[in-house]
Amino acid sequence: MSRYSLYLALVFVSTIYISAQDWPLDTIHLRNGHSFQGVILQETNDAVHFRQVLRRPGKPTYVLDAVFFRDEIGRIERIDDTLRQDWIRKLEKLDPRGLQEKRRREALQLERRPEGAWFYSGEWFALWCYLSSEELTRRVVVRLEDMFAALREYLGERFKPQQRLVIYLYKDAGSYQRALKERGLQLSNPAVYIPERAEILVVTTWEQLAEQLTRVRAQQEAQLRELERYEGKLRQHYHGQPPPEVLEKLKAVRAQLLRIGQENEAILDRQLQPLFRLCYHETFHAYLDLYLFPQAQHKVPRWLNEGLAQIIETAIVETGEIRIGHLDVERLQRVQRLLRENSMPTIHELLRSETRHFQVNHNSEGYASDRYFLASWATAYYFLFGPHSPSTNKTIASPPGQSLIRFIEQLTSSEDVSRALQDHTGKSLADLERDWQLYFLRLRPDGTLRPLEEVRPAEPTKAPGKS
């Protein structure tokens, strides 16, 4: 690639920003006004070898290596070399093609138990998976292992668990409900963390999807084998020199089959996201209880626990870290609709909420439960990433989520959570309520705020918190 074409490619992506949660990066400012964030790999008298880091909110990290010549550079903002080396090691762990994850899946030690379950025991948990698909089980294990490791990196570890976490994954609602009944529970939530037993129970409907993928893969592999046999016969017939145009056609067909296989893998990964989100959600509850704030010693407000878990469930987990802060657009739109309809629970109502508000026991309570889940997500997001969000610690010595830990400590150590929130923000509860609602009415999916004049006021048709 020429110097000019490389520059155009960089300009195209130069508008991508690095989240405020990330550690700082080297920044190169060009004389023409463009700037790029990344890490300096090498410097010479004539040029700077640079690895640009692109992180779209909610998207995997993308890197692009480039060379900037001294005569086009205006100035360079350099980070500490220790931090730079830490970034380089982190970026080397990127696995854009999923090859490392595939090797890890294949290396897992699974046991097939007489009960029909796949059993796994690792550093973080034991898993009983009642799915017939071994591959899907392996995918879940690897993703859960990654999430636990990323939570430790992000939040640190305050306690060693007194109980070993056990995760149960069921393939149908009947088995799941029987397991809940055995534990004295009656609810319709598709997943639950039970702190008294250190258990996570999850139900998934993706058994049929895994079976379908297995059939598609078998068909694709059979087609590739048939293609190999056909090519072998052609080479034998033409004494090792088939016509070039025939070989080109075979090459094109083979490439198409491989491309279809990659597309199927991508489709599977997208289809499995709801399952992974359920697992991530409950994993956060378990980590908070077992490693950070045991429920026997701390009283983390339920609304905060659920709000943070919803933020974590959409996290990007890569290179051993967790990236949060990007908006869940679907939740944002639903929150804005409820605010305009004046049917969103207020912060005051949320602070008085109980466990029952977050349990769906029958259909008539589904709407209220959904509203409280949305309110807890929006309130937690506001305090973490809104105008009153705590500053992020940028040092390597402490986990990047220590500001979140301090925020939780502030709430759990106070006898009056309402007063703690007011102390945290410097605002009265009434002002806080107004600012919180206005913030979300102005919030765009990309994280920017609409002008005040574009915000349509709420319709006073319902009292706050009423359905």
Protein backbone atom coordinates (compact mmCIF):
# COMPACT_ATOMS: atom_id res chain seq x y z
CA MET A 1 0.00 0.00 0.00
CA SER A 2 1.35 3.41 -0.93
CA ARG A 3 1.89 6.14 1.61
CA TYR A 4 -1.07 8.09 0.17
CA SER A 5 -3.53 5.17 0.15
CA LEU A 6 -2.53 4.11 3.65
CA TYR A 7 -3.15 7.65 4.82
CA LEU A 8 -6.65 7.64 3.28
CA ALA A 9 -7.46 4.36 5.03
CA LEU A 10 -6.37 5.82 8.34
CA VAL A 11 -8.35 9.01 7.82
CA PHE A 12 -11.45 6.90 7.18
CA VAL A 13 -11.26 5.33 10.63
CA SER A 14 -9.66 8.19 12.51
CA THR A 15 -13.00 9.35 13.89
CA ILE A 16 -13.32 6.23 16.05
CA TYR A 17 -12.67 7.10 19.68
CA ILE A 18 -11.27 5.19 22.63
CA SER A 19 -13.62 4.79 25.57
CA ALA A 20 -12.94 6.96 28.58
CA GLN A 21 -12.66 3.74 30.58
CA ASP A 22 -9.58 2.58 28.69
CA TRP A 23 -6.07 3.34 29.77
CA PRO A 24 -4.62 6.20 27.71
CA LEU A 25 -2.81 5.56 24.43
CA ASP A 26 -0.11 7.27 22.42
CA THR A 27 -1.64 9.96 20.21
CA ILE A 28 -0.11 11.16 16.96
CA HIS A 29 -1.32 14.55 15.72
CA LEU A 30 -0.66 15.19 12.03
CA ARG A 31 0.00 18.63 10.59
CA ASN A 32 -3.25 18.45 8.59
CA GLY A 33 -5.35 18.23 11.78
CA HIS A 34 -6.03 14.50 11.92
CA SER A 35 -5.02 12.52 14.99
CA PHE A 36 -4.69 8.80 15.74
CA GLN A 37 -4.62 6.81 18.97
CA GLY A 38 -2.64 3.63 19.46
CA VAL A 39 0.80 2.49 20.56
CA ILE A 40 4.20 3.41 19.20
CA LEU A 41 6.03 0.25 18.15
CA GLN A 42 9.31 1.77 16.96
CA GLU A 43 10.80 5.19 16.19
CA THR A 44 13.53 6.13 13.73
CA ASN A 45 14.90 9.46 12.58
CA ASP A 46 12.54 9.43 9.59
CA ALA A 47 9.38 7.66 10.77
CA VAL A 48 7.23 6.32 13.58
CA HIS A 49 5.93 2.74 13.35
CA PHE A 50 2.48 2.81 14.91
CA ARG A 51 -0.30 0.39 15.81
CA GLN A 52 -3.62 2.20 15.75
CA VAL A 53 -6.28 0.92 18.16
CA LEU A 54 -9.91 1.24 17.07
CA ARG A 55 -12.65 0.50 19.55
CA ARG A 56 -16.18 1.18 18.45
CA PRO A 57 -18.62 1.14 21.37
CA GLY A 58 -19.94 -2.38 21.76
CA LYS A 59 -17.70 -3.78 19.01
CA PRO A 60 -14.53 -5.90 19.15
CA THR A 61 -11.18 -4.16 19.04
CA TYR A 62 -9.59 -3.58 15.63
CA VAL A 63 -5.93 -2.72 15.07
CA LEU A 64 -4.17 -1.29 12.06
CA ASP A 65 -0.40 -1.00 11.67
CA ALA A 66 0.91 2.10 9.92
CA VAL A 67 4.03 4.19 9.39
CA PHE A 68 3.95 7.97 9.88
CA PHE A 69 6.78 10.04 8.46
CA ARG A 70 8.33 12.78 10.58
CA ASP A 71 7.54 15.54 8.09
CA GLU A 72 3.77 14.87 8.37
CA ILE A 73 3.68 14.67 12.19
CA GLY A 74 2.82 17.81 14.12
CA ARG A 75 3.28 16.47 17.64
CA ILE A 76 3.09 13.23 19.63
CA GLU A 77 1.50 12.69 23.03
CA ARG A 78 3.38 9.77 24.56
CA ILE A 79 2.24 7.54 27.40
CA ASP A 80 4.49 5.89 29.96
CA ASP A 81 6.53 3.05 28.43
CA THR A 82 5.27 0.57 31.04
CA LEU A 83 1.69 1.33 30.05
CA ARG A 84 2.63 1.09 26.37
CA GLN A 85 4.11 -2.38 26.85
CA ASP A 86 1.00 -3.43 28.74
CA TRP A 87 -1.12 -2.31 25.75
CA ILE A 88 1.12 -4.23 23.34
CA ARG A 89 0.78 -7.42 25.37
CA LYS A 90 -2.98 -6.92 25.55
CA LEU A 91 -3.31 -6.39 21.79
CA GLU A 92 -1.26 -9.51 21.07
CA LYS A 93 -4.04 -11.53 22.72
CA LEU A 94 -6.60 -10.42 20.14
CA ASP A 95 -8.25 -13.33 18.38
CA PRO A 96 -10.20 -11.79 15.46
CA ARG A 97 -10.65 -15.11 13.64
CA GLY A 98 -11.53 -17.09 16.77
CA LEU A 99 -8.69 -19.57 16.29
CA GLN A 100 -7.43 -19.35 19.87
CA GLU A 101 -10.93 -19.79 21.26
CA LYS A 102 -11.46 -22.80 19.00
CA ARG A 103 -8.27 -24.43 20.29
CA ARG A 104 -9.34 -23.75 23.86
CA ARG A 105 -12.75 -25.32 23.23
CA GLU A 106 -11.14 -28.42 21.79
CA ALA A 107 -8.73 -28.74 24.74
CA LEU A 108 -11.43 -28.68 27.44
CA GLN A 109 -11.81 -31.78 29.57
CA LEU A 110 -15.50 -32.73 29.54
CA GLU A 111 -17.11 -35.79 31.07
CA ARG A 112 -20.35 -37.41 29.94
CA ARG A 113 -22.25 -38.33 33.11
CA PRO A 114 -24.87 -41.11 33.37
CA GLU A 115 -27.54 -38.47 34.04
CA GLY A 116 -27.08 -37.34 30.44
CA ALA A 117 -25.19 -34.19 31.39
CA TRP A 118 -21.86 -32.87 30.26
CA PHE A 119 -19.75 -32.13 33.33
CA TYR A 120 -16.90 -29.65 33.57
CA SER A 121 -14.83 -28.57 36.56
CA GLY A 122 -12.48 -25.60 36.32
CA GLU A 123 -10.93 -22.80 38.31
CA TRP A 124 -14.08 -20.75 38.60
CA PHE A 125 -17.01 -23.17 38.59
CA ALA A 126 -18.37 -26.64 38.01
CA LEU A 127 -20.86 -26.98 35.17
CA TRP A 128 -23.65 -29.48 34.63
CA CYS A 129 -24.91 -28.99 31.08
CA TYR A 130 -27.92 -31.02 29.99
CA LEU A 131 -27.66 -30.08 26.31
CA SER A 132 -26.99 -32.88 23.85
CA SER A 133 -24.53 -30.69 21.93
CA GLU A 134 -20.98 -31.12 23.17
CA GLU A 135 -19.80 -28.21 21.05
CA LEU A 136 -22.36 -25.80 22.48
CA THR A 137 -21.34 -26.90 25.97
CA ARG A 138 -17.71 -26.14 25.15
CA ARG A 139 -18.64 -22.72 23.81
CA VAL A 140 -20.48 -21.86 27.03
CA VAL A 141 -17.59 -23.02 29.21
CA VAL A 142 -15.00 -20.93 27.38
CA ARG A 143 -17.18 -17.81 27.40
CA LEU A 144 -17.90 -18.18 31.12
CA GLU A 145 -14.23 -18.73 31.92
CA ASP A 146 -13.39 -15.57 29.98
CA MET A 147 -16.06 -13.56 31.79
CA PHE A 148 -14.87 -14.60 35.25
CA ALA A 149 -11.26 -13.80 34.38
CA ALA A 150 -12.29 -10.43 32.94
CA LEU A 151 -14.35 -9.57 36.03
CA ARG A 152 -11.34 -10.29 38.23
CA GLU A 153 -9.19 -8.07 36.00
CA TYR A 154 -11.76 -5.28 36.05
CA LEU A 155 -13.06 -5.40 39.63
CA GLY A 156 -10.34 -7.18 41.54
CA GLU A 157 -10.91 -9.81 44.22
CA ARG A 158 -11.70 -9.01 47.87
CA PHE A 159 -12.62 -12.44 49.20
CA LYS A 160 -12.04 -16.11 48.49
CA PRO A 161 -15.36 -17.94 47.98
CA GLN A 162 -16.57 -20.03 50.88
CA GLN A 163 -18.61 -22.19 48.49
CA ARG A 164 -17.80 -23.56 45.07
CA LEU A 165 -20.02 -22.13 42.35
CA VAL A 166 -22.05 -24.72 40.43
CA ILE A 167 -23.80 -23.83 37.15
CA TYR A 168 -26.69 -25.85 35.71
CA LEU A 169 -27.71 -25.39 32.08
CA TYR A 170 -31.05 -26.94 31.08
CA LYS A 171 -32.36 -27.54 27.57
CA ASP A 172 -36.10 -27.18 28.26
CA ALA A 173 -38.44 -25.27 30.54
CA GLY A 174 -39.78 -28.43 32.19
CA SER A 175 -36.39 -29.54 33.54
CA TYR A 176 -35.61 -25.98 34.61
CA GLN A 177 -38.87 -25.55 36.50
CA ARG A 178 -38.43 -28.91 38.26
CA ALA A 179 -34.97 -27.81 39.40
CA LEU A 180 -36.40 -24.54 40.71
CA LYS A 181 -39.18 -26.38 42.55
CA GLU A 182 -36.63 -28.68 44.21
CA ARG A 183 -34.97 -25.53 45.57
CA GLY A 184 -38.23 -24.04 46.77
CA LEU A 185 -38.40 -21.39 44.03
CA GLN A 186 -41.25 -20.38 41.76
CA LEU A 187 -40.44 -17.83 39.07
CA SER A 188 -40.38 -17.41 35.31
CA ASN A 189 -37.04 -15.68 34.94
CA PRO A 190 -34.97 -17.73 32.44
CA ALA A 191 -31.94 -17.68 34.74
CA VAL A 192 -31.26 -17.17 38.43
CA TYR A 193 -28.36 -17.01 40.87
CA ILE A 194 -29.08 -18.58 44.26
CA PRO A 195 -26.58 -17.12 46.76
CA GLU A 196 -27.46 -19.51 49.61
CA ARG A 197 -26.40 -22.45 47.44
CA ALA A 198 -23.85 -20.68 45.22
CA GLU A 199 -25.72 -21.95 42.16
CA ILE A 200 -26.64 -20.53 38.78
CA LEU A 201 -29.56 -22.09 36.90
CA VAL A 202 -30.13 -21.24 33.23
CA VAL A 203 -32.57 -22.54 30.64
CA THR A 204 -31.90 -22.26 26.91
CA THR A 205 -33.91 -23.06 23.80
CA TRP A 206 -30.88 -23.32 21.51
CA GLU A 207 -30.66 -27.12 21.50
CA GLN A 208 -32.38 -27.31 18.11
CA LEU A 209 -30.06 -24.65 16.69
CA ALA A 210 -26.98 -26.65 17.67
CA GLU A 211 -28.42 -29.79 16.09
CA GLN A 212 -29.18 -27.89 12.90
CA LEU A 213 -25.64 -26.52 12.75
CA THR A 214 -24.24 -30.04 13.19
CA ARG A 215 -26.23 -31.24 10.19
CA VAL A 216 -25.16 -28.27 8.06
CA ARG A 217 -21.50 -28.83 8.95
CA ALA A 218 -21.71 -32.52 8.13
CA GLN A 219 -23.24 -31.66 4.75
CA GLN A 220 -20.54 -29.08 4.05
CA GLU A 221 -17.73 -31.48 4.99
CA ALA A 222 -19.25 -34.14 2.73
CA GLN A 223 -19.33 -31.65 -0.16
CA LEU A 224 -15.68 -30.73 0.42
CA ARG A 225 -14.69 -34.40 0.48
CA GLU A 226 -16.61 -35.02 -2.74
CA LEU A 227 -14.84 -32.04 -4.30
CA GLU A 228 -11.48 -33.50 -3.29
CA ARG A 229 -12.39 -36.87 -4.83
CA TYR A 230 -13.55 -35.23 -8.04
CA GLU A 231 -10.33 -33.21 -8.31
CA GLY A 232 -8.29 -36.35 -7.71
CA LYS A 233 -10.09 -38.14 -10.56
CA LEU A 234 -9.54 -35.14 -12.85
CA ARG A 235 -5.82 -35.09 -12.14
CA GLN A 236 -5.63 -38.81 -12.77
CA HIS A 237 -7.56 -38.47 -16.02
CA TYR A 238 -5.40 -35.61 -17.27
CA HIS A 239 -2.17 -37.18 -15.98
CA GLY A 240 -1.74 -34.51 -13.31
CA GLN A 241 -2.42 -31.53 -15.62
CA PRO A 242 -6.16 -30.71 -15.75
CA PRO A 243 -7.16 -27.66 -17.83
CA PRO A 244 -6.52 -24.39 -15.86
CA GLU A 245 -10.11 -23.21 -16.32
CA VAL A 246 -11.40 -26.42 -14.66
CA LEU A 247 -9.04 -25.96 -11.70
CA GLU A 248 -10.18 -22.35 -11.34
CA LYS A 249 -13.81 -23.47 -11.17
CA LEU A 250 -12.95 -26.06 -8.51
CA LYS A 251 -11.06 -23.42 -6.55
CA ALA A 252 -14.05 -21.06 -6.71
CA VAL A 253 -16.46 -23.76 -5.51
CA ARG A 254 -14.13 -24.69 -2.64
CA ALA A 255 -13.80 -21.02 -1.62
CA GLN A 256 -17.58 -20.64 -1.70
CA LEU A 257 -18.09 -23.67 0.56
CA LEU A 258 -15.52 -22.36 3.03
CA ARG A 259 -17.14 -18.91 2.97
CA ILE A 260 -20.54 -20.43 3.68
CA GLY A 261 -19.01 -22.29 6.61
CA GLN A 262 -17.62 -19.04 8.04
CA GLU A 263 -20.98 -17.33 7.58
CA ASN A 264 -22.71 -20.19 9.40
CA GLU A 265 -20.25 -19.80 12.30
CA ALA A 266 -20.99 -16.08 12.47
CA ILE A 267 -24.74 -16.76 12.40
CA LEU A 268 -24.39 -19.29 15.22
CA ASP A 269 -22.43 -16.83 17.33
CA ARG A 270 -25.10 -14.14 16.84
CA GLN A 271 -27.89 -16.61 17.61
CA LEU A 272 -26.15 -17.63 20.84
CA GLN A 273 -25.79 -14.08 22.15
CA PRO A 274 -29.05 -14.22 24.18
CA LEU A 275 -27.77 -17.34 25.95
CA PHE A 276 -24.39 -15.78 26.65
CA ARG A 277 -26.07 -12.62 27.94
CA LEU A 278 -28.12 -14.67 30.39
CA CYS A 279 -24.97 -16.42 31.56
CA TYR A 280 -23.02 -13.16 31.86
CA HIS A 281 -25.85 -11.57 33.84
CA GLU A 282 -25.92 -14.32 36.45
CA THR A 283 -22.13 -14.59 36.44
CA PHE A 284 -21.92 -10.98 37.60
CA HIS A 285 -24.36 -11.68 40.45
CA ALA A 286 -22.23 -14.65 41.48
CA TYR A 287 -18.94 -12.77 41.25
CA LEU A 288 -20.30 -9.83 43.23
CA ASP A 289 -21.49 -12.18 45.97
CA LEU A 290 -18.61 -14.65 46.08
CA TYR A 291 -15.59 -12.42 45.45
CA LEU A 292 -16.56 -8.84 46.30
CA PHE A 293 -19.58 -8.25 48.53
CA PRO A 294 -20.89 -11.47 50.15
CA GLN A 295 -24.57 -11.07 50.87
CA ALA A 296 -24.08 -12.37 54.40
CA GLN A 297 -21.87 -9.34 55.15
CA HIS A 298 -23.04 -6.64 52.71
CA LYS A 299 -26.40 -5.41 51.54
CA VAL A 300 -25.95 -4.42 47.90
CA PRO A 301 -29.28 -2.84 46.87
CA ARG A 302 -31.17 -5.17 44.57
CA TRP A 303 -31.81 -2.42 42.00
CA LEU A 304 -28.09 -1.70 41.80
CA ASN A 305 -27.20 -5.39 41.58
CA GLU A 306 -29.67 -5.91 38.75
CA GLY A 307 -28.72 -2.68 37.00
CA LEU A 308 -25.03 -3.53 36.97
CA ALA A 309 -25.73 -7.11 35.83
CA GLN A 310 -27.64 -5.76 32.82
CA ILE A 311 -24.67 -3.54 31.94
CA ILE A 312 -22.27 -6.48 32.27
CA GLU A 313 -24.42 -8.83 30.17
CA THR A 314 -23.75 -6.75 27.03
CA ALA A 315 -20.03 -6.38 27.74
CA ILE A 316 -17.31 -7.00 25.19
CA VAL A 317 -14.90 -9.58 26.65
CA GLU A 318 -11.55 -9.82 24.88
CA THR A 319 -7.81 -9.88 25.59
CA GLY A 320 -8.57 -10.84 29.19
CA GLU A 321 -10.52 -7.66 29.90
CA ILE A 322 -14.08 -6.46 29.98
CA ARG A 323 -15.35 -3.40 28.12
CA ILE A 324 -18.56 -1.77 29.24
CA GLY A 325 -20.13 1.67 28.87
CA HIS A 326 -21.60 1.36 25.39
CA LEU A 327 -25.35 1.79 25.22
CA ASP A 328 -27.84 -1.01 24.80
CA VAL A 329 -29.91 0.70 22.10
CA GLU A 330 -33.02 -1.46 22.63
CA ARG A 331 -33.08 -0.71 26.36
CA LEU A 332 -32.42 2.97 25.70
CA GLN A 333 -35.40 3.22 23.35
CA ARG A 334 -37.70 1.45 25.81
CA VAL A 335 -36.56 3.68 28.67
CA GLN A 336 -37.20 6.79 26.61
CA ARG A 337 -40.65 5.54 25.65
CA LEU A 338 -41.56 4.87 29.29
CA LEU A 339 -40.26 8.28 30.33
CA ARG A 340 -42.35 10.02 27.69
CA GLU A 341 -45.38 8.02 28.82
CA ASN A 342 -44.62 8.95 32.43
CA SER A 343 -44.67 5.26 33.41
CA MET A 344 -41.04 4.74 34.42
CA PRO A 345 -40.48 4.00 38.13
CA THR A 346 -38.87 6.99 39.82
CA ILE A 347 -35.53 6.82 41.65
CA HIS A 348 -37.49 7.12 44.90
CA GLU A 349 -39.60 4.08 43.94
CA LEU A 350 -36.50 2.21 42.83
CA LEU A 351 -34.79 2.79 46.18
CA ARG A 352 -37.84 1.31 47.91
CA SER A 353 -38.10 -1.66 45.52
CA GLU A 354 -37.95 -5.22 46.80
CA THR A 355 -36.86 -8.58 45.45
CA ARG A 356 -40.40 -9.27 44.22
CA HIS A 357 -40.14 -6.39 41.76
CA PHE A 358 -37.45 -8.33 39.89
CA GLN A 359 -39.13 -11.73 39.86
CA VAL A 360 -41.61 -12.66 37.15
CA ASN A 361 -44.00 -15.11 38.81
CA HIS A 362 -46.88 -14.87 36.33
CA ASN A 363 -47.82 -12.91 33.26
CA SER A 364 -49.69 -10.12 35.03
CA GLU A 365 -46.49 -9.11 36.83
CA GLY A 366 -44.31 -9.23 33.73
CA TYR A 367 -44.85 -5.59 32.79
CA ALA A 368 -44.02 -4.23 36.25
CA SER A 369 -40.94 -6.44 36.48
CA ASP A 370 -39.79 -5.27 33.09
CA ARG A 371 -40.18 -1.63 34.11
CA TYR A 372 -38.14 -2.12 37.27
CA PHE A 373 -35.41 -3.93 35.36
CA LEU A 374 -35.28 -1.06 32.87
CA ALA A 375 -35.23 1.53 35.64
CA SER A 376 -32.41 -0.27 37.45
CA TRP A 377 -30.36 -0.47 34.24
CA ALA A 378 -30.90 3.21 33.43
CA THR A 379 -30.14 4.38 36.96
CA ALA A 380 -26.98 2.29 37.24
CA TYR A 381 -25.85 3.51 33.82
CA TYR A 382 -26.49 7.12 34.84
CA PHE A 383 -24.36 6.87 37.97
CA LEU A 384 -21.56 4.98 36.20
CA PHE A 385 -21.35 6.82 32.87
CA GLY A 386 -23.54 9.90 33.15
CA PRO A 387 -22.55 13.40 34.28
CA HIS A 388 -21.94 12.21 37.85
CA SER A 389 -19.91 9.12 36.95
CA PRO A 390 -16.85 8.54 39.16
CA SER A 391 -13.50 9.18 37.52
CA THR A 392 -11.79 6.08 36.17
CA ASN A 393 -8.49 5.03 37.71
CA LYS A 394 -5.91 5.04 34.92
CA THR A 395 -3.09 3.37 36.78
CA ILE A 396 -2.02 -0.19 36.17
CA ALA A 397 -1.47 -0.86 39.86
CA SER A 398 -5.19 -1.12 40.66
CA PRO A 399 -8.04 -2.77 38.73
CA PRO A 400 -9.79 -0.37 36.35
CA GLY A 401 -13.15 -0.95 38.07
CA GLN A 402 -12.05 0.31 41.49
CA SER A 403 -14.18 3.45 41.10
CA LEU A 404 -17.21 1.15 40.76
CA ILE A 405 -16.14 -0.78 43.87
CA ARG A 406 -15.88 2.48 45.82
CA PHE A 407 -19.35 3.49 44.61
CA ILE A 408 -20.85 0.18 45.79
CA GLU A 409 -19.04 0.52 49.13
CA GLN A 410 -20.46 3.99 49.54
CA LEU A 411 -24.01 2.69 49.12
CA THR A 412 -23.64 -0.52 51.16
CA SER A 413 -21.98 1.24 54.10
CA SER A 414 -24.73 3.84 54.42
CA GLU A 415 -27.87 3.37 56.49
CA ASP A 416 -29.65 5.70 54.07
CA VAL A 417 -29.00 4.89 50.40
CA SER A 418 -30.94 7.99 49.36
CA ARG A 419 -28.60 10.18 51.39
CA ALA A 420 -25.57 8.33 50.00
CA LEU A 421 -26.67 9.06 46.43
CA GLN A 422 -27.23 12.70 47.26
CA ASP A 423 -23.78 12.92 48.84
CA HIS A 424 -22.29 11.21 45.79
CA THR A 425 -23.84 13.66 43.32
CA GLY A 426 -24.19 16.80 45.44
CA LYS A 427 -27.86 17.03 44.44
CA SER A 428 -31.15 16.61 46.21
CA LEU A 429 -33.20 13.54 45.31
CA ALA A 430 -35.71 15.74 43.46
CA ASP A 431 -32.95 17.39 41.39
CA LEU A 432 -31.35 14.02 40.82
CA GLU A 433 -34.62 12.61 39.52
CA ARG A 434 -35.08 15.51 37.12
CA ASP A 435 -31.49 15.35 35.85
CA TRP A 436 -31.63 11.56 35.42
CA GLN A 437 -34.80 11.70 33.35
CA LEU A 438 -33.58 14.63 31.26
CA TYR A 439 -30.25 12.88 30.65
CA PHE A 440 -31.96 9.79 29.22
CA LEU A 441 -34.43 11.78 27.15
CA ARG A 442 -31.48 13.59 25.56
CA LEU A 443 -29.26 10.52 25.17
CA ARG A 444 -28.60 9.29 21.65
CA PRO A 445 -27.59 5.68 20.80
CA ASP A 446 -24.01 6.83 20.12
CA GLY A 447 -23.71 8.30 23.63
CA THR A 448 -24.01 11.96 22.65
CA LEU A 449 -26.76 14.25 23.96
CA ARG A 450 -29.51 15.96 21.98
CA PRO A 451 -29.96 19.72 22.41
CA LEU A 452 -32.43 20.60 25.15
CA GLU A 453 -34.88 22.12 22.68
CA GLU A 454 -35.23 18.75 20.91
CA VAL A 455 -36.44 16.93 24.01
CA ARG A 456 -40.18 16.37 24.12
CA PRO A 457 -41.51 16.66 27.68
CA ALA A 458 -43.21 13.69 29.32
CA GLU A 459 -46.94 13.35 28.86
CA PRO A 460 -48.69 13.75 32.24
CA THR A 461 -51.14 10.91 31.58
CA LYS A 462 -50.03 8.57 34.34
CA ALA A 463 -48.66 8.97 37.81
CA PRO A 464 -45.02 7.94 38.10
CA GLY A 465 -44.61 4.23 38.74
CA LYS A 466 -48.21 3.36 37.87
CA SER A 467 -49.05 0.87 35.18
